[in-house]
């Protein structure tokens, strides 16, 4: 590595270390009293206190007493509700605060700092865990886990696995044909994407991601909205190629999740043994039945043509695809409920800090199809069922997404009761009074 590159990385790390770590010095024990408690499943408990020691919940009972000194803290949450930390099962740390095309006109140092900014912002909205489904996030994850910067727990996928002309091939449609034995594209050099054609290349790229620390593998199985060259109706990867990805992931005791809007893409992925469908807005009733039969997950996003719609140019290829995709959202959620599918919440918010800031609002939109307790369960314990499918690749072993004894202490104190008013989670700045991850308090504005 050139000396200039080393200096850039050293400078980047110094800025990260000095500028982004805001957690309070952890106490040996924290007692939360007088809160209503939503346990992450379907229960609202009253009249009990919660005691945290280190990074775990150790006791839930009435009338817990501790000595308050410099090693302990008592938080009176009268009139408030304690819930598990929120989770997002379809998040892109490295895309969240930057427009997609800006990725290719900035260096990796700048992009990493933007990703670190996005990670901290997500945590401060109460999202204490995310499944990152594409992008070079391993360094940020490591810095967070070491306690050197603030951010959520990250379950990383690493680079997208995509075919030539697939949703992860970021070239313009007019790009020149590449020779065999080609040099890597810029997006590949930065770890954003990996173009693999044919079974041997797919096997190699999946193994590379696993070697880098991926907890699950992300494959592009169908056309995308924002991509420049692939229509929505196409199925990407042959059955043998997709099976190869699934089989290699299984050798590491984990699974494949796939980008797929169209019915044909979803069905092809299911046939290959994929266990997590990302998006799926355009599925038919027969495909919903197949998802149920395969016991697969559907990670849906409440993407609608509403005030939060992605602003594509009128009449553009991208806008046409966006309208076609969002037209299926209502039906997809209806089918998911009809067939009692395993549904995860993911936001997939990208392209700028203002858009990413609507993460809680996106979750609150689920009240259109679900009761508030069902929404909160989906974004806590249910999402964690999906996260834990990575088995021994799980970087955060232990119970999470629930308020139970011996569970990890990822918690939020909400001013009011979100089971009665789900919109409270759409304004975390004002309504989330305490945000805790791993037993450390990152926000406390209780008077």
Protein backbone atom coordinates (compact mmCIF):
# COMPACT_ATOMS: atom_id res chain seq x y z
CA UNK A 1 0.00 0.00 0.00
CA UNK A 2 1.30 3.44 -0.89
CA UNK A 3 2.28 5.79 1.94
CA UNK A 4 -0.38 8.29 0.86
CA UNK A 5 -3.09 5.61 1.18
CA UNK A 6 -1.85 4.62 4.65
CA UNK A 7 -1.96 8.25 5.77
CA UNK A 8 -5.52 8.60 4.46
CA UNK A 9 -6.68 5.59 6.45
CA UNK A 10 -4.89 6.74 9.60
CA UNK A 11 -6.53 10.13 9.30
CA UNK A 12 -9.93 8.53 8.73
CA UNK A 13 -9.58 6.36 11.82
CA UNK A 14 -8.50 9.31 13.96
CA UNK A 15 -11.54 11.32 12.92
CA UNK A 16 -13.85 8.36 13.59
CA UNK A 17 -12.39 7.72 17.01
CA UNK A 18 -12.52 11.34 18.13
CA UNK A 19 -15.80 12.41 16.58
CA UNK A 20 -18.42 9.71 16.86
CA UNK A 21 -18.34 7.99 20.26
CA UNK A 22 -21.00 9.51 22.49
CA UNK A 23 -22.07 6.67 24.81
CA UNK A 24 -22.18 7.49 28.49
CA UNK A 25 -19.63 5.71 30.66
CA UNK A 26 -21.45 2.43 31.42
CA UNK A 27 -22.70 1.82 34.92
CA UNK A 28 -22.34 -1.54 36.65
CA UNK A 29 -26.11 -1.64 37.05
CA UNK A 30 -29.10 0.35 35.84
CA UNK A 31 -32.60 0.05 37.29
CA UNK A 32 -35.63 1.16 35.24
CA UNK A 33 -38.72 1.70 37.36
CA UNK A 34 -42.42 2.48 36.84
CA UNK A 35 -42.49 1.82 33.08
CA UNK A 36 -45.04 -0.18 31.18
CA UNK A 37 -43.05 -3.00 29.56
CA UNK A 38 -43.65 -4.35 26.06
CA UNK A 39 -41.71 -7.61 26.05
CA UNK A 40 -41.16 -7.85 22.28
CA UNK A 41 -43.81 -10.55 21.77
CA UNK A 42 -47.39 -9.69 22.69
CA UNK A 43 -47.36 -8.79 26.34
CA UNK A 44 -47.64 -5.42 28.07
CA UNK A 45 -46.47 -5.79 31.64
CA UNK A 46 -47.13 -3.24 34.39
CA UNK A 47 -45.91 -2.97 37.96
CA UNK A 48 -42.46 -4.44 37.40
CA UNK A 49 -38.95 -3.00 37.32
CA UNK A 50 -36.07 -4.00 35.06
CA UNK A 51 -32.53 -4.39 36.33
CA UNK A 52 -29.58 -4.32 33.92
CA UNK A 53 -26.12 -5.43 34.97
CA UNK A 54 -23.33 -5.11 32.46
CA UNK A 55 -24.85 -5.73 29.05
CA UNK A 56 -27.75 -7.96 30.13
CA UNK A 57 -31.16 -7.82 31.74
CA UNK A 58 -30.74 -9.78 34.96
CA UNK A 59 -34.06 -9.29 36.78
CA UNK A 60 -37.64 -8.30 36.00
CA UNK A 61 -39.73 -8.06 39.14
CA UNK A 62 -41.75 -5.74 41.35
CA UNK A 63 -39.98 -3.62 43.93
CA UNK A 64 -36.35 -4.21 42.95
CA UNK A 65 -34.05 -2.24 45.24
CA UNK A 66 -30.46 -1.16 44.55
CA UNK A 67 -28.06 1.26 46.19
CA UNK A 68 -27.64 4.34 44.03
CA UNK A 69 -23.98 5.39 43.83
CA UNK A 70 -21.37 6.19 41.20
CA UNK A 71 -21.61 2.59 39.94
CA UNK A 72 -25.40 2.52 39.50
CA UNK A 73 -28.24 4.51 38.00
CA UNK A 74 -31.99 4.57 38.63
CA UNK A 75 -34.28 5.78 35.82
CA UNK A 76 -37.88 6.62 36.75
CA UNK A 77 -39.98 5.99 33.63
CA UNK A 78 -43.39 6.89 35.03
CA UNK A 79 -45.88 7.39 32.20
CA UNK A 80 -43.52 5.81 29.68
CA UNK A 81 -43.14 2.46 27.92
CA UNK A 82 -40.04 0.29 27.81
CA UNK A 83 -39.60 -1.61 24.55
CA UNK A 84 -36.76 -3.64 23.01
CA UNK A 85 -34.44 -1.79 20.66
CA UNK A 86 -35.86 -1.57 17.14
CA UNK A 87 -34.33 -3.49 14.26
CA UNK A 88 -34.20 -3.08 10.49
CA UNK A 89 -33.79 -6.25 8.42
CA UNK A 90 -33.07 -4.48 5.13
CA UNK A 91 -30.62 -1.66 5.67
CA UNK A 92 -27.66 -0.30 3.71
CA UNK A 93 -25.30 1.54 6.05
CA UNK A 94 -23.05 2.69 3.21
CA UNK A 95 -25.95 3.87 1.02
CA UNK A 96 -28.15 5.50 3.63
CA UNK A 97 -26.65 9.01 3.70
CA UNK A 98 -25.40 9.38 0.14
CA UNK A 99 -26.93 9.42 -3.34
CA UNK A 100 -26.06 6.26 -5.27
CA UNK A 101 -24.14 7.97 -8.04
CA UNK A 102 -22.00 9.82 -5.49
CA UNK A 103 -20.43 6.50 -4.57
CA UNK A 104 -18.42 6.61 -7.77
CA UNK A 105 -17.09 10.16 -7.48
CA UNK A 106 -15.79 9.95 -3.89
CA UNK A 107 -12.96 7.98 -2.34
CA UNK A 108 -13.45 5.16 0.13
CA UNK A 109 -12.26 7.30 3.08
CA UNK A 110 -15.06 9.81 2.52
CA UNK A 111 -17.61 7.07 1.92
CA UNK A 112 -16.61 5.28 5.11
CA UNK A 113 -17.08 8.47 7.13
CA UNK A 114 -20.51 8.97 5.57
CA UNK A 115 -21.37 5.37 6.47
CA UNK A 116 -20.23 5.92 10.06
CA UNK A 117 -22.43 9.02 10.23
CA UNK A 118 -25.39 6.95 8.97
CA UNK A 119 -24.71 4.22 11.51
CA UNK A 120 -24.76 6.63 14.41
CA UNK A 121 -27.94 8.30 13.14
CA UNK A 122 -29.71 4.93 12.91
CA UNK A 123 -28.79 4.12 16.51
CA UNK A 124 -30.04 7.51 17.66
CA UNK A 125 -33.40 6.72 16.03
CA UNK A 126 -33.60 3.66 18.27
CA UNK A 127 -32.49 1.05 15.74
CA UNK A 128 -30.07 -0.95 17.83
CA UNK A 129 -29.61 -3.78 15.27
CA UNK A 130 -29.63 -3.88 11.47
CA UNK A 131 -29.13 -6.54 8.86
CA UNK A 132 -26.95 -4.81 6.29
CA UNK A 133 -27.82 -6.30 2.92
CA UNK A 134 -25.09 -4.88 0.72
CA UNK A 135 -22.02 -2.67 0.89
CA UNK A 136 -18.47 -2.54 2.32
CA UNK A 137 -19.54 -2.17 5.95
CA UNK A 138 -17.11 -4.55 7.66
CA UNK A 139 -14.77 -1.81 8.91
CA UNK A 140 -17.58 0.28 10.38
CA UNK A 141 -19.03 -2.80 12.06
CA UNK A 142 -15.66 -3.60 13.63
CA UNK A 143 -15.23 -0.05 14.94
CA UNK A 144 -18.74 -0.16 16.46
CA UNK A 145 -18.16 -3.55 18.06
CA UNK A 146 -14.88 -2.31 19.54
CA UNK A 147 -16.75 0.63 21.09
CA UNK A 148 -14.75 3.20 19.15
CA UNK A 149 -17.72 4.71 17.30
CA UNK A 150 -21.48 4.65 17.93
CA UNK A 151 -23.85 2.58 15.85
CA UNK A 152 -26.16 -0.43 15.84
CA UNK A 153 -25.24 -4.08 15.88
CA UNK A 154 -24.62 -4.95 12.23
CA UNK A 155 -25.27 -8.28 10.53
CA UNK A 156 -23.26 -7.69 7.32
CA UNK A 157 -23.69 -9.28 3.90
CA UNK A 158 -20.73 -7.61 2.23
CA UNK A 159 -20.67 -7.02 -1.51
CA UNK A 160 -23.72 -7.78 -3.61
CA UNK A 161 -23.39 -10.93 -5.71
CA UNK A 162 -24.74 -10.07 -9.17
CA UNK A 163 -24.67 -11.34 -12.71
CA UNK A 164 -23.47 -9.19 -15.60
CA UNK A 165 -26.37 -6.81 -16.36
CA UNK A 166 -27.89 -7.59 -12.96
CA UNK A 167 -29.15 -5.18 -10.34
CA UNK A 168 -25.66 -4.93 -8.83
CA UNK A 169 -23.86 -4.24 -12.13
CA UNK A 170 -23.44 -0.49 -11.75
CA UNK A 171 -22.15 0.20 -15.26
CA UNK A 172 -24.08 2.27 -17.75
CA UNK A 173 -25.93 0.29 -20.44
CA UNK A 174 -23.49 1.68 -23.04
CA UNK A 175 -20.44 0.20 -21.28
CA UNK A 176 -17.97 -1.57 -23.50
CA UNK A 177 -17.81 -5.35 -23.51
CA UNK A 178 -15.16 -6.65 -21.12
CA UNK A 179 -12.57 -9.27 -21.92
CA UNK A 180 -12.40 -12.60 -20.13
CA UNK A 181 -10.00 -12.49 -17.22
CA UNK A 182 -11.03 -8.85 -16.87
CA UNK A 183 -9.85 -6.28 -14.37
CA UNK A 184 -12.23 -5.38 -11.56
CA UNK A 185 -14.66 -2.46 -11.82
CA UNK A 186 -14.46 0.44 -9.37
CA UNK A 187 -17.48 -0.84 -7.44
CA UNK A 188 -15.78 -4.20 -7.06
CA UNK A 189 -12.50 -2.69 -5.93
CA UNK A 190 -14.36 -0.81 -3.18
CA UNK A 191 -16.18 -3.95 -2.07
CA UNK A 192 -19.62 -2.73 -3.10
CA UNK A 193 -20.47 -5.42 -5.61
CA UNK A 194 -19.10 -8.65 -7.11
CA UNK A 195 -20.06 -9.62 -10.65
CA UNK A 196 -20.12 -13.39 -11.05
CA UNK A 197 -21.26 -15.31 -14.14
CA UNK A 198 -21.45 -19.09 -14.06
CA UNK A 199 -21.35 -21.53 -11.19
CA UNK A 200 -17.57 -21.41 -10.51
CA UNK A 201 -17.54 -17.61 -10.25
CA UNK A 202 -20.62 -17.59 -7.99
CA UNK A 203 -19.00 -20.15 -5.69
CA UNK A 204 -15.81 -18.12 -5.46
CA UNK A 205 -17.53 -14.79 -4.76
CA UNK A 206 -19.76 -16.24 -2.06
CA UNK A 207 -16.76 -17.80 -0.36
CA UNK A 208 -14.91 -14.49 -0.51
CA UNK A 209 -17.78 -12.73 1.27
CA UNK A 210 -17.88 -15.43 3.93
CA UNK A 211 -14.12 -15.07 4.39
CA UNK A 212 -14.61 -11.32 4.90
CA UNK A 213 -17.12 -11.91 7.69
CA UNK A 214 -20.53 -11.96 6.04
CA UNK A 215 -23.24 -13.31 8.34
CA UNK A 216 -25.49 -14.02 5.36
CA UNK A 217 -25.10 -13.73 1.59
CA UNK A 218 -26.96 -11.21 -0.58
CA UNK A 219 -27.64 -12.17 -4.20
CA UNK A 220 -29.46 -10.14 -6.86
CA UNK A 221 -32.21 -12.42 -8.22
CA UNK A 222 -34.29 -9.95 -10.23
CA UNK A 223 -34.55 -6.50 -11.75
CA UNK A 224 -34.28 -3.35 -9.66
CA UNK A 225 -35.90 0.07 -9.59
CA UNK A 226 -32.90 2.40 -9.44
CA UNK A 227 -30.61 0.37 -11.71
CA UNK A 228 -30.09 1.66 -15.22
CA UNK A 229 -30.17 -1.45 -17.38
CA UNK A 230 -32.36 -4.20 -15.93
CA UNK A 231 -36.17 -4.27 -16.23
CA UNK A 232 -38.29 -5.54 -13.34
CA UNK A 233 -39.67 -8.61 -15.06
CA UNK A 234 -36.34 -10.40 -15.55
CA UNK A 235 -35.14 -13.34 -13.51
CA UNK A 236 -31.44 -13.01 -12.75
CA UNK A 237 -29.20 -16.05 -12.37
CA UNK A 238 -30.01 -19.51 -13.62
CA UNK A 239 -31.24 -22.19 -11.28
CA UNK A 240 -27.80 -23.82 -11.09
CA UNK A 241 -26.06 -20.50 -10.34
CA UNK A 242 -28.53 -19.64 -7.57
CA UNK A 243 -28.34 -23.16 -6.13
CA UNK A 244 -24.55 -22.80 -6.01
CA UNK A 245 -24.84 -19.68 -3.82
CA UNK A 246 -27.30 -21.42 -1.50
CA UNK A 247 -25.14 -24.53 -1.22
CA UNK A 248 -21.97 -22.60 -0.44
CA UNK A 249 -23.74 -20.51 2.22
CA UNK A 250 -25.04 -23.74 3.75
CA UNK A 251 -21.49 -25.10 4.04
CA UNK A 252 -20.86 -22.19 6.41
CA UNK A 253 -24.15 -22.85 8.23
CA UNK A 254 -25.83 -19.68 7.02
CA UNK A 255 -28.25 -18.63 4.29
CA UNK A 256 -28.87 -16.53 1.19
CA UNK A 257 -31.19 -13.55 0.94
CA UNK A 258 -32.13 -12.22 -2.50
CA UNK A 259 -33.27 -8.97 -4.05
CA UNK A 260 -36.46 -9.86 -5.95
CA UNK A 261 -39.54 -7.78 -6.73
CA UNK A 262 -41.12 -9.77 -9.56
CA UNK A 263 -43.04 -12.99 -9.18
CA UNK A 264 -40.75 -14.90 -11.54
CA UNK A 265 -37.63 -13.81 -9.64
CA UNK A 266 -39.14 -14.83 -6.29
CA UNK A 267 -40.21 -18.23 -7.59
CA UNK A 268 -36.81 -18.90 -9.12
CA UNK A 269 -35.07 -18.10 -5.86
CA UNK A 270 -37.41 -20.29 -3.84
CA UNK A 271 -36.83 -23.16 -6.25
CA UNK A 272 -33.10 -22.85 -5.60
CA UNK A 273 -33.57 -23.03 -1.83
CA UNK A 274 -33.30 -19.34 -0.89
CA UNK A 275 -34.65 -18.71 2.60
CA UNK A 276 -35.16 -14.92 2.62
CA UNK A 277 -36.92 -12.93 -0.09
CA UNK A 278 -36.13 -9.22 0.03
CA UNK A 279 -39.00 -7.05 -1.27
CA UNK A 280 -41.48 -9.35 -3.09
CA UNK A 281 -43.98 -6.58 -3.79
CA UNK A 282 -45.09 -8.16 -7.07
CA UNK A 283 -45.82 -11.70 -5.89
CA UNK A 284 -48.97 -13.56 -6.92
CA UNK A 285 -51.19 -15.65 -4.68
CA UNK A 286 -49.58 -18.87 -5.94
CA UNK A 287 -46.15 -17.57 -5.02
CA UNK A 288 -47.35 -16.55 -1.56
CA UNK A 289 -48.48 -20.14 -1.10
CA UNK A 290 -45.06 -21.34 -2.24
CA UNK A 291 -43.30 -19.07 0.26
CA UNK A 292 -45.43 -20.65 2.98
CA UNK A 293 -44.71 -24.16 1.68
CA UNK A 294 -40.95 -23.50 1.64
CA UNK A 295 -41.11 -21.90 5.12
CA UNK A 296 -39.16 -18.95 3.73
CA UNK A 297 -39.09 -15.36 4.95
CA UNK A 298 -40.55 -12.33 3.18
CA UNK A 299 -38.73 -9.13 4.11
CA UNK A 300 -41.20 -6.52 2.86
CA UNK A 301 -40.91 -2.74 2.88
CA UNK A 302 -43.94 -0.41 3.06
CA UNK A 303 -42.91 1.34 -0.16
CA UNK A 304 -45.79 3.35 -1.60
CA UNK A 305 -46.32 6.09 -4.15
CA UNK A 306 -46.96 8.61 -1.39
CA UNK A 307 -45.29 11.70 0.07
CA UNK A 308 -42.15 9.65 0.69
CA UNK A 309 -41.89 8.30 -2.86
CA UNK A 310 -38.43 8.24 -4.44
CA UNK A 311 -38.25 11.31 -6.74
CA UNK A 312 -37.32 9.90 -10.15
CA UNK A 313 -37.62 12.08 -13.28
CA UNK A 314 -41.10 11.99 -14.80
CA UNK A 315 -41.46 9.29 -17.39
CA UNK A 316 -38.00 7.83 -16.74
CA UNK A 317 -37.25 4.13 -16.88
CA UNK A 318 -36.64 4.21 -13.13
CA UNK A 319 -39.94 5.97 -12.37
CA UNK A 320 -41.89 3.47 -14.46
CA UNK A 321 -40.34 0.62 -12.50
CA UNK A 322 -40.99 2.38 -9.18
CA UNK A 323 -44.68 2.83 -9.97
CA UNK A 324 -45.03 -0.79 -11.06
CA UNK A 325 -43.34 -2.02 -7.90
CA UNK A 326 -45.22 0.18 -5.42
CA UNK A 327 -48.53 -0.74 -7.07
CA UNK A 328 -48.02 -4.24 -5.64
CA UNK A 329 -47.24 -3.30 -2.02
CA UNK A 330 -50.84 -3.36 -0.78
CA UNK A 331 -51.51 -6.78 -2.31
CA UNK A 332 -48.24 -8.25 -1.05
CA UNK A 333 -48.98 -7.35 2.57
CA UNK A 334 -52.51 -8.71 2.13
CA UNK A 335 -51.17 -12.03 0.85
CA UNK A 336 -48.60 -12.17 3.63
CA UNK A 337 -51.36 -11.86 6.21
CA UNK A 338 -53.73 -14.23 4.40
CA UNK A 339 -51.16 -17.04 4.35
CA UNK A 340 -49.53 -16.18 7.67
CA UNK A 341 -46.09 -15.76 6.12
CA UNK A 342 -42.99 -15.05 8.16
CA UNK A 343 -42.68 -11.31 7.48
CA UNK A 344 -39.71 -9.18 8.51
CA UNK A 345 -39.55 -5.40 8.56
CA UNK A 346 -36.91 -3.65 6.49
CA UNK A 347 -36.87 -0.04 5.37
CA UNK A 348 -34.36 -0.05 2.45
CA UNK A 349 -34.01 3.73 2.84
CA UNK A 350 -31.15 5.20 0.82
CA UNK A 351 -29.85 8.27 -1.00
CA UNK A 352 -29.57 10.89 1.73
CA UNK A 353 -29.78 11.70 5.43
CA UNK A 354 -33.23 13.26 5.10
CA UNK A 355 -34.63 10.08 3.54
CA UNK A 356 -32.89 7.81 6.06
CA UNK A 357 -34.34 9.90 8.88
CA UNK A 358 -37.83 8.58 8.00
CA UNK A 359 -36.85 5.08 9.21
CA UNK A 360 -39.23 5.23 12.18
CA UNK A 361 -41.95 6.71 10.00
CA UNK A 362 -41.56 3.79 7.59
CA UNK A 363 -42.06 1.36 10.46
CA UNK A 364 -45.14 3.26 11.65
CA UNK A 365 -46.69 2.90 8.17
CA UNK A 366 -47.21 -0.77 8.91
CA UNK A 367 -50.27 0.21 11.00
CA UNK A 368 -52.05 0.20 7.63
CA UNK A 369 -51.93 -3.62 7.76
CA UNK A 370 -51.09 -4.58 11.35
CA UNK A 371 -52.02 -3.76 14.93
CA UNK A 372 -49.40 -1.67 16.79
CA UNK A 373 -48.25 -4.61 18.93
CA UNK A 374 -47.79 -6.69 15.76
CA UNK A 375 -45.65 -3.95 14.22
CA UNK A 376 -43.46 -3.65 17.30
CA UNK A 377 -43.12 -7.42 17.53
CA UNK A 378 -42.06 -7.55 13.86
CA UNK A 379 -39.37 -4.91 14.41
CA UNK A 380 -38.02 -6.59 17.56
CA UNK A 381 -38.37 -10.31 18.29
CA UNK A 382 -39.58 -11.38 14.82
CA UNK A 383 -36.72 -9.70 12.97
CA UNK A 384 -34.33 -11.32 15.41
CA UNK A 385 -35.62 -14.74 14.44
CA UNK A 386 -34.43 -13.94 10.92
CA UNK A 387 -31.11 -12.50 12.11
CA UNK A 388 -30.38 -15.65 14.12
CA UNK A 389 -30.67 -17.83 11.00
CA UNK A 390 -26.97 -17.14 10.46
CA UNK A 391 -26.32 -19.68 13.22
CA UNK A 392 -22.67 -19.85 14.28
CA UNK A 393 -21.89 -16.83 12.07
CA UNK A 394 -23.85 -14.70 14.57
CA UNK A 395 -21.46 -12.04 15.94
CA UNK A 396 -23.81 -11.26 18.85
CA UNK A 397 -24.79 -14.55 20.51
CA UNK A 398 -27.51 -14.39 23.10
CA UNK A 399 -31.18 -13.45 23.29
CA UNK A 400 -32.19 -10.12 21.79
CA UNK A 401 -35.31 -8.39 20.54
CA UNK A 402 -37.10 -9.24 23.79
CA UNK A 403 -37.29 -7.94 27.34
CA UNK A 404 -36.56 -11.08 29.30
CA UNK A 405 -34.11 -12.06 31.98
CA UNK A 406 -30.71 -12.94 30.45
CA UNK A 407 -31.48 -11.02 27.23
CA UNK A 408 -29.04 -8.45 25.90
CA UNK A 409 -29.89 -4.95 27.11
CA UNK A 410 -30.91 -3.18 23.89
CA UNK A 411 -33.77 -1.00 25.12
CA UNK A 412 -35.80 2.15 24.42
CA UNK A 413 -37.93 4.19 26.80
CA UNK A 414 -40.78 5.80 24.85
CA UNK A 415 -42.66 8.82 26.16
CA UNK A 416 -46.20 7.46 26.05
CA UNK A 417 -47.51 4.11 24.86
CA UNK A 418 -46.69 3.11 21.26
CA UNK A 419 -49.10 0.19 21.52
CA UNK A 420 -51.86 2.80 21.66
CA UNK A 421 -50.21 5.39 19.39
CA UNK A 422 -47.75 3.80 16.98
CA UNK A 423 -46.90 7.18 15.47
CA UNK A 424 -44.74 7.86 18.52
CA UNK A 425 -41.97 5.84 16.87
CA UNK A 426 -42.04 8.13 13.82
CA UNK A 427 -40.56 10.96 15.93
CA UNK A 428 -37.73 9.38 17.90
CA UNK A 429 -35.99 12.69 18.54
CA UNK A 430 -38.82 13.85 20.79
CA UNK A 431 -40.43 10.60 21.92
CA UNK A 432 -37.49 8.28 22.62
CA UNK A 433 -36.29 9.46 26.02
CA UNK A 434 -33.67 6.74 26.57
CA UNK A 435 -31.81 4.66 23.99
CA UNK A 436 -29.62 1.84 25.29
CA UNK A 437 -27.53 -0.72 23.41
CA UNK A 438 -25.56 -3.49 25.08
CA UNK A 439 -26.23 -1.97 28.48
CA UNK A 440 -24.78 1.43 27.51
CA UNK A 441 -26.94 4.54 27.43
CA UNK A 442 -26.53 6.55 24.24
CA UNK A 443 -29.39 8.96 24.93
CA UNK A 444 -31.10 10.00 28.14
CA UNK A 445 -33.36 13.07 28.18
CA UNK A 446 -35.65 12.09 31.04
CA UNK A 447 -36.02 15.15 33.22
